[in-house]
Amino acid sequence: MAKEKPTIINISFKKNTLDDTMLLDWLQRKFEVYGKSNYIKQVLRKEMLKEINKED
């Protein structure tokens, strides 16, 4: 059976804005600890569950 390819979502940060620079620096520190994909999935899953629970 063929393995399904993952969906890749590209995100860009503009290094010329303070907001994007701060966010990218913060994310890179989190990625070092948790791993890039794992951290993003963890944050998105948490937000998804908050949204689902708010709709009930």
Protein backbone atom coordinates (compact mmCIF):
# COMPACT_ATOMS: atom_id res chain seq x y z
CA MET A 1 0.00 0.00 0.00
CA ALA A 2 1.35 3.43 -0.97
CA LYS A 3 2.14 5.89 1.78
CA GLU A 4 0.09 9.09 1.62
CA LYS A 5 2.14 12.26 1.06
CA PRO A 6 1.82 14.92 3.76
CA THR A 7 0.19 18.27 3.04
CA ILE A 8 2.72 21.08 3.27
CA ILE A 9 1.65 24.60 4.23
CA ASN A 10 4.22 27.31 3.53
CA ILE A 11 4.38 30.30 5.85
CA SER A 12 6.51 33.35 5.18
CA PHE A 13 7.76 36.00 7.58
CA LYS A 14 8.79 39.48 6.51
CA LYS A 15 12.04 40.22 8.28
CA ASN A 16 11.49 43.96 7.77
CA THR A 17 8.58 44.14 10.24
CA LEU A 18 9.15 44.01 13.98
CA ASP A 19 6.05 41.88 14.54
CA ASP A 20 7.12 39.17 12.06
CA THR A 21 10.72 39.24 13.30
CA MET A 22 9.64 38.79 16.92
CA LEU A 23 7.21 36.01 16.00
CA LEU A 24 9.81 34.16 13.92
CA ASP A 25 12.45 34.41 16.67
CA TRP A 26 9.98 33.11 19.25
CA LEU A 27 8.89 30.27 16.97
CA GLN A 28 12.46 29.24 16.22
CA ARG A 29 13.16 28.87 19.96
CA LYS A 30 10.02 26.71 20.33
CA PHE A 31 11.03 24.62 17.30
CA GLU A 32 14.40 23.86 18.92
CA VAL A 33 12.63 22.41 21.95
CA TYR A 34 9.58 20.69 20.44
CA GLY A 35 10.40 20.26 16.75
CA LYS A 36 8.87 22.38 14.02
CA SER A 37 6.02 20.18 12.86
CA ASN A 38 5.15 18.93 16.34
CA TYR A 39 4.94 22.41 17.82
CA ILE A 40 2.81 23.83 15.00
CA LYS A 41 0.42 20.86 15.18
CA GLN A 42 0.20 21.17 18.98
CA VAL A 43 -0.71 24.87 18.81
CA LEU A 44 -3.20 24.41 15.97
CA ARG A 45 -4.85 21.41 17.67
CA LYS A 46 -5.27 23.45 20.87
CA GLU A 47 -6.87 26.34 18.95
CA MET A 48 -9.12 23.96 17.00
CA LEU A 49 -10.41 22.37 20.21
CA LYS A 50 -11.05 25.80 21.77
CA GLU A 51 -13.04 26.80 18.71
CA ILE A 52 -15.03 23.54 18.62
CA ASN A 53 -15.85 23.79 22.33
CA LYS A 54 -16.92 27.43 21.94
CA GLU A 55 -19.43 26.44 19.23
CA ASP A 56 -21.20 23.95 21.51
